[in-house]
Amino acid sequence: MDIFQIMYFPDNETIAKVEVLADLEQDVADLTVAHEAKRILWFPSELLAPEPDTDPDAFVKQLRERAKGISMPARVALALNTLTEEGLPHFHRLLATYLGGDTFWAKWTNLWTAEEDRHGAVLHDYAHDSKILDNPVLERMQFEYLKAGFEPTWDKDPYRVFVYTSLQERATQVSHANTGKLAGQYEPLIGTVLQNVAKEEARHYVFYREIFLRVLARDPNRALESAALIMPSIDMPGISMPHFREMADVIRRAGIYGPRDYIRIVEDLIKFWSIDKLEGLNEAGRKAQEKIMAITERLERVANMMETRSRAKTFSFNVAFAREFAME
């Protein structure tokens, strides 16, 4: 890592973590090569284009007619997913803080940003073409979200960055995939769009979870302490956007993404990282290991309580033309 980054971090523990990340540079290079070898690069204008030698105006008219059938919960999910993806500047800043300089880390961060940028673009373009959302309202929400900033508690710990990105990429993949299935029942094009986005989120998830696995191999005690602080719960990227909690409640009730999905994500990562099998830990490492192994039981209680207390509710969002709809 360059000298500016070392000077930026004031405490010895964080410096030690940055040095571990520097030691992973060849791993990053190899994983980046593997990532690109499996990727099929796509662009919004390609996914949303009419067939060659067909009438583009008729294509858009037919799209809008089909899109009328998309349910209100699916529209809310599409709005939230679009805004989440368009919060990319927050995440590029957070990653670049630790992974800057002329290294493979910076090359990965720039590649990741270039891939992620297309996600917000294709969803925004789809919303514009299909007219399923009130686009001026959507754009104002994006403006307010970016203006509000995103300052998570994990942004000063490079290990926590990778735990968070592992969890968040997988959660985003699940949300996009399930939204695509729900909305795609009525309008197949958005199903195809979200399938492409979800597949790319899955590849990013594979990268980040593998990086943290290698961090665990080099510095297990501190890595477990960082994981134990993040894994009990994560704030999704859109937490600071207008009406986020109400929109997230709709998505939970629609079965797109909720606490039980997060439980499965945590279970999968505990298994992949073999957290229960780590040995030779110091006292702090063992306590963190025990805390992590108890997370899923606690999350089950939270999910049960949320489902027990849930009551039928009516929702209305300006971004979805203020149309009221009820959900159990």
C-alpha atoms as a PDB file:
ATOM      1  CA  MET A   1       0.000   0.000   0.000  1.00  0.00           C
ATOM      2  CA  ASP A   2       1.246   3.529  -0.637  1.00  0.00           C
ATOM      3  CA  ILE A   3       2.617   5.840   2.078  1.00  0.00           C
ATOM      4  CA  PHE A   4      -0.428   8.126   1.946  1.00  0.00           C
ATOM      5  CA  GLN A   5      -2.677   5.267   3.011  1.00  0.00           C
ATOM      6  CA  ILE A   6      -0.358   4.205   5.844  1.00  0.00           C
ATOM      7  CA  MET A   7      -0.298   7.799   7.136  1.00  0.00           C
ATOM      8  CA  TYR A   8      -4.088   8.002   6.869  1.00  0.00           C
ATOM      9  CA  PHE A   9      -4.574   5.204   9.414  1.00  0.00           C
ATOM     10  CA  PRO A  10      -3.512   6.337  12.899  1.00  0.00           C
ATOM     11  CA  ASP A  11      -3.500   3.111  14.946  1.00  0.00           C
ATOM     12  CA  ASN A  12      -1.147   0.159  14.778  1.00  0.00           C
ATOM     13  CA  GLU A  13      -3.931  -2.443  14.541  1.00  0.00           C
ATOM     14  CA  THR A  14      -5.407  -0.875  11.414  1.00  0.00           C
ATOM     15  CA  ILE A  15      -1.941  -0.520   9.897  1.00  0.00           C
ATOM     16  CA  ALA A  16      -1.389  -4.247  10.536  1.00  0.00           C
ATOM     17  CA  LYS A  17      -4.654  -5.038   8.751  1.00  0.00           C
ATOM     18  CA  VAL A  18      -3.703  -2.889   5.781  1.00  0.00           C
ATOM     19  CA  GLU A  19      -0.410  -4.774   5.596  1.00  0.00           C
ATOM     20  CA  VAL A  20      -2.319  -8.083   5.447  1.00  0.00           C
ATOM     21  CA  LEU A  21      -4.345  -6.697   2.553  1.00  0.00           C
ATOM     22  CA  ALA A  22      -1.116  -5.693   0.817  1.00  0.00           C
ATOM     23  CA  ASP A  23       0.098  -9.288   1.226  1.00  0.00           C
ATOM     24  CA  LEU A  24      -2.997 -10.466  -0.652  1.00  0.00           C
ATOM     25  CA  GLU A  25      -2.188  -8.575  -3.828  1.00  0.00           C
ATOM     26  CA  GLN A  26      -1.272 -11.629  -5.906  1.00  0.00           C
ATOM     27  CA  ASP A  27      -4.395 -13.372  -4.649  1.00  0.00           C
ATOM     28  CA  VAL A  28      -6.421 -10.392  -5.852  1.00  0.00           C
ATOM     29  CA  ALA A  29      -4.717 -10.546  -9.246  1.00  0.00           C
ATOM     30  CA  ASP A  30      -5.511 -14.243  -9.627  1.00  0.00           C
ATOM     31  CA  LEU A  31      -9.119 -13.845  -8.464  1.00  0.00           C
ATOM     32  CA  THR A  32      -9.629 -10.899 -10.816  1.00  0.00           C
ATOM     33  CA  VAL A  33      -8.422 -12.967 -13.775  1.00  0.00           C
ATOM     34  CA  ALA A  34     -10.780 -15.791 -12.789  1.00  0.00           C
ATOM     35  CA  HIS A  35     -13.642 -13.312 -12.376  1.00  0.00           C
ATOM     36  CA  GLU A  36     -13.204 -11.801 -15.824  1.00  0.00           C
ATOM     37  CA  ALA A  37     -12.823 -15.225 -17.463  1.00  0.00           C
ATOM     38  CA  LYS A  38     -16.335 -16.196 -16.287  1.00  0.00           C
ATOM     39  CA  ARG A  39     -18.015 -12.886 -17.024  1.00  0.00           C
ATOM     40  CA  ILE A  40     -20.139 -12.134 -20.066  1.00  0.00           C
ATOM     41  CA  LEU A  41     -20.015  -8.359 -20.430  1.00  0.00           C
ATOM     42  CA  TRP A  42     -23.338  -6.705 -21.213  1.00  0.00           C
ATOM     43  CA  PHE A  43     -24.526  -3.118 -21.529  1.00  0.00           C
ATOM     44  CA  PRO A  44     -27.897  -1.451 -20.839  1.00  0.00           C
ATOM     45  CA  SER A  45     -28.465  -0.377 -24.440  1.00  0.00           C
ATOM     46  CA  GLU A  46     -28.070  -4.008 -25.525  1.00  0.00           C
ATOM     47  CA  LEU A  47     -30.407  -5.506 -22.918  1.00  0.00           C
ATOM     48  CA  LEU A  48     -33.115  -2.912 -23.553  1.00  0.00           C
ATOM     49  CA  ALA A  49     -32.835  -2.793 -27.348  1.00  0.00           C
ATOM     50  CA  PRO A  50     -35.611  -3.912 -29.700  1.00  0.00           C
ATOM     51  CA  GLU A  51     -34.910  -6.706 -32.154  1.00  0.00           C
ATOM     52  CA  PRO A  52     -33.008  -5.612 -35.286  1.00  0.00           C
ATOM     53  CA  ASP A  53     -35.140  -4.247 -38.107  1.00  0.00           C
ATOM     54  CA  THR A  54     -38.167  -3.719 -35.884  1.00  0.00           C
ATOM     55  CA  ASP A  55     -40.013  -0.528 -34.993  1.00  0.00           C
ATOM     56  CA  PRO A  56     -38.447   0.955 -31.805  1.00  0.00           C
ATOM     57  CA  ASP A  57     -41.561   3.013 -31.048  1.00  0.00           C
ATOM     58  CA  ALA A  58     -43.739  -0.087 -31.231  1.00  0.00           C
ATOM     59  CA  PHE A  59     -41.242  -1.902 -28.984  1.00  0.00           C
ATOM     60  CA  VAL A  60     -41.536   0.751 -26.259  1.00  0.00           C
ATOM     61  CA  LYS A  61     -45.334   0.863 -26.605  1.00  0.00           C
ATOM     62  CA  GLN A  62     -45.566  -2.921 -26.164  1.00  0.00           C
ATOM     63  CA  LEU A  63     -43.150  -2.775 -23.215  1.00  0.00           C
ATOM     64  CA  ARG A  64     -45.310  -0.211 -21.431  1.00  0.00           C
ATOM     65  CA  GLU A  65     -48.435  -2.240 -22.089  1.00  0.00           C
ATOM     66  CA  ARG A  66     -46.865  -5.381 -20.616  1.00  0.00           C
ATOM     67  CA  ALA A  67     -45.410  -3.430 -17.685  1.00  0.00           C
ATOM     68  CA  LYS A  68     -48.891  -2.322 -16.579  1.00  0.00           C
ATOM     69  CA  GLY A  69     -49.279  -5.788 -15.076  1.00  0.00           C
ATOM     70  CA  ILE A  70     -46.299  -5.439 -12.719  1.00  0.00           C
ATOM     71  CA  SER A  71     -47.631  -5.506  -9.156  1.00  0.00           C
ATOM     72  CA  MET A  72     -47.165  -2.628  -6.723  1.00  0.00           C
ATOM     73  CA  PRO A  73     -44.822  -4.605  -4.413  1.00  0.00           C
ATOM     74  CA  ALA A  74     -42.633  -5.450  -7.420  1.00  0.00           C
ATOM     75  CA  ARG A  75     -42.594  -1.784  -8.446  1.00  0.00           C
ATOM     76  CA  VAL A  76     -41.523  -0.754  -4.960  1.00  0.00           C
ATOM     77  CA  ALA A  77     -38.786  -3.397  -5.044  1.00  0.00           C
ATOM     78  CA  LEU A  78     -37.607  -2.106  -8.423  1.00  0.00           C
ATOM     79  CA  ALA A  79     -37.507   1.444  -7.062  1.00  0.00           C
ATOM     80  CA  LEU A  80     -35.508   0.400  -4.014  1.00  0.00           C
ATOM     81  CA  ASN A  81     -33.162  -1.796  -6.062  1.00  0.00           C
ATOM     82  CA  THR A  82     -32.568   1.020  -8.552  1.00  0.00           C
ATOM     83  CA  LEU A  83     -31.810   3.571  -5.845  1.00  0.00           C
ATOM     84  CA  THR A  84     -29.534   1.116  -4.063  1.00  0.00           C
ATOM     85  CA  GLU A  85     -27.513   0.541  -7.226  1.00  0.00           C
ATOM     86  CA  GLU A  86     -27.340   4.274  -7.908  1.00  0.00           C
ATOM     87  CA  GLY A  87     -25.701   4.751  -4.502  1.00  0.00           C
ATOM     88  CA  LEU A  88     -22.483   3.445  -6.084  1.00  0.00           C
ATOM     89  CA  PRO A  89     -20.454   6.621  -5.376  1.00  0.00           C
ATOM     90  CA  HIS A  90     -20.707   5.935  -1.639  1.00  0.00           C
ATOM     91  CA  PHE A  91     -19.221   2.479  -2.053  1.00  0.00           C
ATOM     92  CA  HIS A  92     -16.493   3.395  -4.491  1.00  0.00           C
ATOM     93  CA  ARG A  93     -15.317   5.988  -1.969  1.00  0.00           C
ATOM     94  CA  LEU A  94     -15.321   3.509   0.910  1.00  0.00           C
ATOM     95  CA  LEU A  95     -13.438   0.823  -0.998  1.00  0.00           C
ATOM     96  CA  ALA A  96     -10.970   3.237  -2.587  1.00  0.00           C
ATOM     97  CA  THR A  97     -10.009   4.523   0.875  1.00  0.00           C
ATOM     98  CA  TYR A  98      -8.377   1.178   1.651  1.00  0.00           C
ATOM     99  CA  LEU A  99      -7.641  -0.152  -1.811  1.00  0.00           C
ATOM    100  CA  GLY A 100      -6.133   2.863  -3.559  1.00  0.00           C
ATOM    101  CA  GLY A 101      -2.712   3.278  -5.109  1.00  0.00           C
ATOM    102  CA  ASP A 102      -1.133   1.615  -8.115  1.00  0.00           C
ATOM    103  CA  THR A 103      -1.937  -1.967  -7.096  1.00  0.00           C
ATOM    104  CA  PHE A 104      -4.127  -4.876  -8.166  1.00  0.00           C
ATOM    105  CA  TRP A 105      -6.443  -3.798  -5.350  1.00  0.00           C
ATOM    106  CA  ALA A 106      -7.119  -0.520  -7.133  1.00  0.00           C
ATOM    107  CA  LYS A 107      -7.566  -2.353 -10.422  1.00  0.00           C
ATOM    108  CA  TRP A 108     -10.174  -4.618  -8.815  1.00  0.00           C
ATOM    109  CA  THR A 109     -12.004  -1.671  -7.244  1.00  0.00           C
ATOM    110  CA  ASN A 110     -12.136   0.163 -10.564  1.00  0.00           C
ATOM    111  CA  LEU A 111     -13.319  -2.988 -12.371  1.00  0.00           C
ATOM    112  CA  TRP A 112     -15.982  -3.599  -9.710  1.00  0.00           C
ATOM    113  CA  THR A 113     -17.141   0.014 -10.000  1.00  0.00           C
ATOM    114  CA  ALA A 114     -17.355  -0.201 -13.803  1.00  0.00           C
ATOM    115  CA  GLU A 115     -19.454  -3.375 -13.560  1.00  0.00           C
ATOM    116  CA  GLU A 116     -21.702  -2.028 -10.814  1.00  0.00           C
ATOM    117  CA  ASP A 117     -22.287   1.267 -12.633  1.00  0.00           C
ATOM    118  CA  ARG A 118     -24.202  -0.599 -15.352  1.00  0.00           C
ATOM    119  CA  HIS A 119     -26.646  -1.989 -12.775  1.00  0.00           C
ATOM    120  CA  GLY A 120     -28.051   1.394 -11.800  1.00  0.00           C
ATOM    121  CA  ALA A 121     -27.978   2.534 -15.430  1.00  0.00           C
ATOM    122  CA  VAL A 122     -29.995  -0.381 -16.806  1.00  0.00           C
ATOM    123  CA  LEU A 123     -32.598  -0.202 -14.024  1.00  0.00           C
ATOM    124  CA  HIS A 124     -32.936   3.558 -14.404  1.00  0.00           C
ATOM    125  CA  ASP A 125     -33.319   3.212 -18.182  1.00  0.00           C
ATOM    126  CA  TYR A 126     -35.900   0.457 -17.737  1.00  0.00           C
ATOM    127  CA  ALA A 127     -37.893   2.622 -15.323  1.00  0.00           C
ATOM    128  CA  HIS A 128     -37.784   5.456 -17.846  1.00  0.00           C
ATOM    129  CA  ASP A 129     -38.866   3.303 -20.798  1.00  0.00           C
ATOM    130  CA  SER A 130     -41.543   1.286 -19.005  1.00  0.00           C
ATOM    131  CA  LYS A 131     -43.073   4.191 -17.033  1.00  0.00           C
ATOM    132  CA  ILE A 132     -43.808   1.867 -14.109  1.00  0.00           C
ATOM    133  CA  LEU A 133     -42.483   4.503 -11.672  1.00  0.00           C
ATOM    134  CA  ASP A 134     -42.772   8.264 -11.330  1.00  0.00           C
ATOM    135  CA  ASN A 135     -39.342   9.018 -12.742  1.00  0.00           C
ATOM    136  CA  PRO A 136     -38.945  12.621 -11.502  1.00  0.00           C
ATOM    137  CA  VAL A 137     -39.720  11.381  -7.973  1.00  0.00           C
ATOM    138  CA  LEU A 138     -37.260   8.500  -8.392  1.00  0.00           C
ATOM    139  CA  GLU A 139     -34.538  10.895  -9.522  1.00  0.00           C
ATOM    140  CA  ARG A 140     -35.164  13.265  -6.609  1.00  0.00           C
ATOM    141  CA  MET A 141     -34.941  10.315  -4.196  1.00  0.00           C
ATOM    142  CA  GLN A 142     -31.608   9.371  -5.742  1.00  0.00           C
ATOM    143  CA  PHE A 143     -30.399  12.954  -5.347  1.00  0.00           C
ATOM    144  CA  GLU A 144     -31.425  13.045  -1.680  1.00  0.00           C
ATOM    145  CA  TYR A 145     -29.827   9.655  -1.024  1.00  0.00           C
ATOM    146  CA  LEU A 146     -26.485  10.687  -2.486  1.00  0.00           C
ATOM    147  CA  LYS A 147     -26.637  14.056  -0.725  1.00  0.00           C
ATOM    148  CA  ALA A 148     -27.312  12.387   2.639  1.00  0.00           C
ATOM    149  CA  GLY A 149     -24.122  10.312   2.378  1.00  0.00           C
ATOM    150  CA  PHE A 150     -23.445   6.868   3.762  1.00  0.00           C
ATOM    151  CA  GLU A 151     -21.180   6.669   6.808  1.00  0.00           C
ATOM    152  CA  PRO A 152     -21.315   3.097   8.165  1.00  0.00           C
ATOM    153  CA  THR A 153     -19.638   2.064  11.397  1.00  0.00           C
ATOM    154  CA  TRP A 154     -17.430  -0.408   9.537  1.00  0.00           C
ATOM    155  CA  ASP A 155     -15.716   2.064   7.239  1.00  0.00           C
ATOM    156  CA  LYS A 156     -12.629   2.485   9.463  1.00  0.00           C
ATOM    157  CA  ASP A 157     -11.840  -1.246   9.581  1.00  0.00           C
ATOM    158  CA  PRO A 158     -10.605  -2.846   6.342  1.00  0.00           C
ATOM    159  CA  TYR A 159     -11.543  -6.347   7.541  1.00  0.00           C
ATOM    160  CA  ARG A 160     -15.103  -5.299   8.259  1.00  0.00           C
ATOM    161  CA  VAL A 161     -15.279  -3.840   4.751  1.00  0.00           C
ATOM    162  CA  PHE A 162     -14.877  -7.339   3.303  1.00  0.00           C
ATOM    163  CA  VAL A 163     -17.302  -8.989   5.710  1.00  0.00           C
ATOM    164  CA  TYR A 164     -19.884  -6.364   4.821  1.00  0.00           C
ATOM    165  CA  THR A 165     -19.350  -6.636   1.068  1.00  0.00           C
ATOM    166  CA  SER A 166     -19.660 -10.438   1.265  1.00  0.00           C
ATOM    167  CA  LEU A 167     -22.983 -10.161   3.073  1.00  0.00           C
ATOM    168  CA  GLN A 168     -24.297  -7.239   1.052  1.00  0.00           C
ATOM    169  CA  GLU A 169     -23.429  -8.591  -2.402  1.00  0.00           C
ATOM    170  CA  ARG A 170     -25.238 -11.825  -1.632  1.00  0.00           C
ATOM    171  CA  ALA A 171     -28.238  -9.975  -0.191  1.00  0.00           C
ATOM    172  CA  THR A 172     -28.418  -7.776  -3.269  1.00  0.00           C
ATOM    173  CA  GLN A 173     -28.203 -10.827  -5.519  1.00  0.00           C
ATOM    174  CA  VAL A 174     -31.159 -12.432  -3.719  1.00  0.00           C
ATOM    175  CA  SER A 175     -33.218  -9.241  -3.882  1.00  0.00           C
ATOM    176  CA  HIS A 176     -32.603  -8.701  -7.606  1.00  0.00           C
ATOM    177  CA  ALA A 177     -33.253 -12.343  -8.488  1.00  0.00           C
ATOM    178  CA  ASN A 178     -36.528 -12.521  -6.552  1.00  0.00           C
ATOM    179  CA  THR A 179     -37.709  -9.151  -7.847  1.00  0.00           C
ATOM    180  CA  GLY A 180     -37.014 -10.396 -11.372  1.00  0.00           C
ATOM    181  CA  LYS A 181     -39.083 -13.512 -10.782  1.00  0.00           C
ATOM    182  CA  LEU A 182     -42.022 -11.520  -9.406  1.00  0.00           C
ATOM    183  CA  ALA A 183     -42.019  -8.722 -11.990  1.00  0.00           C
ATOM    184  CA  GLY A 184     -41.038 -11.057 -14.829  1.00  0.00           C
ATOM    185  CA  GLN A 185     -44.335 -12.915 -14.535  1.00  0.00           C
ATOM    186  CA  TYR A 186     -45.945  -9.924 -16.225  1.00  0.00           C
ATOM    187  CA  GLU A 187     -43.079  -8.357 -18.170  1.00  0.00           C
ATOM    188  CA  PRO A 188     -40.322 -10.758 -19.307  1.00  0.00           C
ATOM    189  CA  LEU A 189     -37.759  -8.073 -20.189  1.00  0.00           C
ATOM    190  CA  ILE A 190     -37.287  -6.948 -16.578  1.00  0.00           C
ATOM    191  CA  GLY A 191     -36.831 -10.601 -15.630  1.00  0.00           C
ATOM    192  CA  THR A 192     -33.959 -10.829 -18.120  1.00  0.00           C
ATOM    193  CA  VAL A 193     -32.451  -7.539 -16.926  1.00  0.00           C
ATOM    194  CA  LEU A 194     -32.501  -8.523 -13.265  1.00  0.00           C
ATOM    195  CA  GLN A 195     -31.207 -12.003 -14.025  1.00  0.00           C
ATOM    196  CA  ASN A 196     -28.115 -10.402 -15.584  1.00  0.00           C
ATOM    197  CA  VAL A 197     -27.670  -8.027 -12.647  1.00  0.00           C
ATOM    198  CA  ALA A 198     -28.112 -10.817 -10.092  1.00  0.00           C
ATOM    199  CA  LYS A 199     -25.545 -13.040 -11.826  1.00  0.00           C
ATOM    200  CA  GLU A 200     -22.976 -10.275 -11.635  1.00  0.00           C
ATOM    201  CA  GLU A 201     -23.720  -9.660  -7.951  1.00  0.00           C
ATOM    202  CA  ALA A 202     -23.144 -13.376  -7.430  1.00  0.00           C
ATOM    203  CA  ARG A 203     -19.700 -13.150  -9.021  1.00  0.00           C
ATOM    204  CA  HIS A 204     -18.818 -10.166  -6.824  1.00  0.00           C
ATOM    205  CA  TYR A 205     -19.965 -12.159  -3.798  1.00  0.00           C
ATOM    206  CA  VAL A 206     -17.655 -15.010  -4.775  1.00  0.00           C
ATOM    207  CA  PHE A 207     -14.717 -12.592  -4.953  1.00  0.00           C
ATOM    208  CA  TYR A 208     -15.314 -10.896  -1.592  1.00  0.00           C
ATOM    209  CA  ARG A 209     -16.043 -14.037   0.393  1.00  0.00           C
ATOM    210  CA  GLU A 210     -12.857 -15.614  -1.008  1.00  0.00           C
ATOM    211  CA  ILE A 211     -10.801 -12.557  -0.021  1.00  0.00           C
ATOM    212  CA  PHE A 212     -12.058 -12.737   3.559  1.00  0.00           C
ATOM    213  CA  LEU A 213     -11.334 -16.468   3.652  1.00  0.00           C
ATOM    214  CA  ARG A 214      -7.712 -15.622   2.876  1.00  0.00           C
ATOM    215  CA  VAL A 215      -7.699 -12.853   5.478  1.00  0.00           C
ATOM    216  CA  LEU A 216      -8.866 -15.433   8.025  1.00  0.00           C
ATOM    217  CA  ALA A 217      -5.970 -17.703   7.068  1.00  0.00           C
ATOM    218  CA  ARG A 218      -3.434 -14.939   7.706  1.00  0.00           C
ATOM    219  CA  ASP A 219      -4.922 -13.126  10.712  1.00  0.00           C
ATOM    220  CA  PRO A 220      -7.716 -15.264  12.215  1.00  0.00           C
ATOM    221  CA  ASN A 221      -8.136 -13.561  15.578  1.00  0.00           C
ATOM    222  CA  ARG A 222      -8.548 -10.016  14.340  1.00  0.00           C
ATOM    223  CA  ALA A 223     -10.554 -11.222  11.354  1.00  0.00           C
ATOM    224  CA  LEU A 224     -13.044 -13.010  13.613  1.00  0.00           C
ATOM    225  CA  GLU A 225     -13.366  -9.949  15.853  1.00  0.00           C
ATOM    226  CA  SER A 226     -14.250  -7.857  12.804  1.00  0.00           C
ATOM    227  CA  ALA A 227     -16.714 -10.449  11.510  1.00  0.00           C
ATOM    228  CA  ALA A 228     -18.409 -10.684  14.909  1.00  0.00           C
ATOM    229  CA  LEU A 229     -19.122  -6.946  14.804  1.00  0.00           C
ATOM    230  CA  ILE A 230     -20.718  -7.040  11.345  1.00  0.00           C
ATOM    231  CA  MET A 231     -22.516 -10.368  10.969  1.00  0.00           C
ATOM    232  CA  PRO A 232     -25.288 -10.004  13.592  1.00  0.00           C
ATOM    233  CA  SER A 233     -26.978  -7.441  11.332  1.00  0.00           C
ATOM    234  CA  ILE A 234     -26.143  -5.159   8.434  1.00  0.00           C
ATOM    235  CA  ASP A 235     -27.661  -1.914   7.280  1.00  0.00           C
ATOM    236  CA  MET A 236     -28.383  -2.207   3.584  1.00  0.00           C
ATOM    237  CA  PRO A 237     -26.840   0.537   1.459  1.00  0.00           C
ATOM    238  CA  GLY A 238     -30.092   2.474   1.086  1.00  0.00           C
ATOM    239  CA  ILE A 239     -30.661   2.982   4.802  1.00  0.00           C
ATOM    240  CA  SER A 240     -30.309   6.760   4.404  1.00  0.00           C
ATOM    241  CA  MET A 241     -32.652   7.085   1.412  1.00  0.00           C
ATOM    242  CA  PRO A 242     -36.176   8.498   1.816  1.00  0.00           C
ATOM    243  CA  HIS A 243     -38.823   5.948   2.923  1.00  0.00           C
ATOM    244  CA  PHE A 244     -36.290   3.104   3.041  1.00  0.00           C
ATOM    245  CA  ARG A 245     -37.782   1.240   6.015  1.00  0.00           C
ATOM    246  CA  GLU A 246     -41.324   1.292   4.609  1.00  0.00           C
ATOM    247  CA  MET A 247     -40.090   0.077   1.233  1.00  0.00           C
ATOM    248  CA  ALA A 248     -38.030  -2.651   2.905  1.00  0.00           C
ATOM    249  CA  ASP A 249     -41.174  -3.750   4.775  1.00  0.00           C
ATOM    250  CA  VAL A 250     -43.005  -4.145   1.461  1.00  0.00           C
ATOM    251  CA  ILE A 251     -40.154  -6.224   0.073  1.00  0.00           C
ATOM    252  CA  ARG A 252     -40.191  -8.456   3.169  1.00  0.00           C
ATOM    253  CA  ARG A 253     -43.942  -8.988   2.977  1.00  0.00           C
ATOM    254  CA  ALA A 254     -43.683  -9.789  -0.757  1.00  0.00           C
ATOM    255  CA  GLY A 255     -41.161 -12.552  -0.030  1.00  0.00           C
ATOM    256  CA  ILE A 256     -38.436 -10.816  -2.041  1.00  0.00           C
ATOM    257  CA  TYR A 257     -35.935 -10.265   0.758  1.00  0.00           C
ATOM    258  CA  GLY A 258     -36.222 -10.391   4.528  1.00  0.00           C
ATOM    259  CA  PRO A 259     -34.734 -11.667   7.786  1.00  0.00           C
ATOM    260  CA  ARG A 260     -34.887 -15.333   6.809  1.00  0.00           C
ATOM    261  CA  ASP A 261     -32.920 -14.636   3.643  1.00  0.00           C
ATOM    262  CA  TYR A 262     -30.285 -12.955   5.783  1.00  0.00           C
ATOM    263  CA  ILE A 263     -30.156 -15.980   8.089  1.00  0.00           C
ATOM    264  CA  ARG A 264     -29.377 -18.234   5.117  1.00  0.00           C
ATOM    265  CA  ILE A 265     -26.661 -15.849   3.957  1.00  0.00           C
ATOM    266  CA  VAL A 266     -24.993 -15.853   7.385  1.00  0.00           C
ATOM    267  CA  GLU A 267     -25.221 -19.653   7.603  1.00  0.00           C
ATOM    268  CA  ASP A 268     -23.635 -20.027   4.163  1.00  0.00           C
ATOM    269  CA  LEU A 269     -20.721 -17.747   5.046  1.00  0.00           C
ATOM    270  CA  ILE A 270     -20.101 -19.418   8.414  1.00  0.00           C
ATOM    271  CA  LYS A 271     -19.871 -22.715   6.548  1.00  0.00           C
ATOM    272  CA  PHE A 272     -17.715 -21.370   3.687  1.00  0.00           C
ATOM    273  CA  TRP A 273     -15.299 -19.663   6.072  1.00  0.00           C
ATOM    274  CA  SER A 274     -15.276 -22.781   8.346  1.00  0.00           C
ATOM    275  CA  ILE A 275     -15.612 -20.517  11.358  1.00  0.00           C
ATOM    276  CA  ASP A 276     -16.640 -23.380  13.631  1.00  0.00           C
ATOM    277  CA  LYS A 277     -13.463 -25.298  12.759  1.00  0.00           C
ATOM    278  CA  LEU A 278     -10.878 -22.563  13.390  1.00  0.00           C
ATOM    279  CA  GLU A 279      -8.397 -23.554  16.082  1.00  0.00           C
ATOM    280  CA  GLY A 280      -5.399 -22.068  17.887  1.00  0.00           C
ATOM    281  CA  LEU A 281      -7.202 -18.812  18.586  1.00  0.00           C
ATOM    282  CA  ASN A 282      -6.421 -16.390  21.386  1.00  0.00           C
ATOM    283  CA  GLU A 283      -9.065 -15.409  23.955  1.00  0.00           C
ATOM    284  CA  ALA A 284     -10.466 -12.553  21.855  1.00  0.00           C
ATOM    285  CA  GLY A 285     -10.619 -14.810  18.796  1.00  0.00           C
ATOM    286  CA  ARG A 286     -12.447 -17.559  20.691  1.00  0.00           C
ATOM    287  CA  LYS A 287     -14.998 -15.089  22.074  1.00  0.00           C
ATOM    288  CA  ALA A 288     -15.611 -13.729  18.589  1.00  0.00           C
ATOM    289  CA  GLN A 289     -15.966 -17.272  17.237  1.00  0.00           C
ATOM    290  CA  GLU A 290     -18.558 -18.103  19.913  1.00  0.00           C
ATOM    291  CA  LYS A 291     -20.466 -14.904  19.188  1.00  0.00           C
ATOM    292  CA  ILE A 292     -20.600 -15.664  15.469  1.00  0.00           C
ATOM    293  CA  MET A 293     -21.776 -19.237  16.038  1.00  0.00           C
ATOM    294  CA  ALA A 294     -24.674 -17.909  18.153  1.00  0.00           C
ATOM    295  CA  ILE A 295     -25.855 -15.387  15.565  1.00  0.00           C
ATOM    296  CA  THR A 296     -28.280 -17.567  13.605  1.00  0.00           C
ATOM    297  CA  GLU A 297     -30.210 -18.579  16.740  1.00  0.00           C
ATOM    298  CA  ARG A 298     -30.613 -14.913  17.660  1.00  0.00           C
ATOM    299  CA  LEU A 299     -31.673 -14.037  14.112  1.00  0.00           C
ATOM    300  CA  GLU A 300     -34.284 -16.814  14.195  1.00  0.00           C
ATOM    301  CA  ARG A 301     -35.818 -15.228  17.299  1.00  0.00           C
ATOM    302  CA  VAL A 302     -35.885 -11.832  15.606  1.00  0.00           C
ATOM    303  CA  ALA A 303     -37.516 -13.275  12.471  1.00  0.00           C
ATOM    304  CA  ASN A 304     -40.122 -15.141  14.509  1.00  0.00           C
ATOM    305  CA  MET A 305     -40.959 -12.017  16.503  1.00  0.00           C
ATOM    306  CA  MET A 306     -41.240  -9.891  13.359  1.00  0.00           C
ATOM    307  CA  GLU A 307     -43.558 -12.402  11.697  1.00  0.00           C
ATOM    308  CA  THR A 308     -45.692 -12.789  14.825  1.00  0.00           C
ATOM    309  CA  ARG A 309     -46.155  -9.050  15.229  1.00  0.00           C
ATOM    310  CA  SER A 310     -46.751  -8.348  11.526  1.00  0.00           C
ATOM    311  CA  ARG A 311     -50.257  -7.109  10.719  1.00  0.00           C
ATOM    312  CA  ALA A 312     -52.017  -6.236   7.471  1.00  0.00           C
ATOM    313  CA  LYS A 313     -51.024  -2.780   6.315  1.00  0.00           C
ATOM    314  CA  THR A 314     -51.766  -0.302   3.545  1.00  0.00           C
ATOM    315  CA  PHE A 315     -48.882   1.364   1.705  1.00  0.00           C
ATOM    316  CA  SER A 316     -48.538   4.294  -0.661  1.00  0.00           C
ATOM    317  CA  PHE A 317     -45.358   5.725  -2.229  1.00  0.00           C
ATOM    318  CA  ASN A 318     -45.072   8.814  -4.411  1.00  0.00           C
ATOM    319  CA  VAL A 319     -42.451   7.037  -6.525  1.00  0.00           C
ATOM    320  CA  ALA A 320     -45.168   4.512  -7.431  1.00  0.00           C
ATOM    321  CA  PHE A 321     -47.705   7.258  -8.264  1.00  0.00           C
ATOM    322  CA  ALA A 322     -49.116   7.293  -4.693  1.00  0.00           C
ATOM    323  CA  ARG A 323     -51.363   4.331  -5.466  1.00  0.00           C
ATOM    324  CA  GLU A 324     -52.528   2.620  -2.288  1.00  0.00           C
ATOM    325  CA  PHE A 325     -52.145  -1.123  -1.920  1.00  0.00           C
ATOM    326  CA  ALA A 326     -52.648  -3.502   0.984  1.00  0.00           C
ATOM    327  CA  MET A 327     -50.382  -6.331   2.105  1.00  0.00           C
ATOM    328  CA  GLU A 328     -50.676  -9.031   4.730  1.00  0.00           C
END
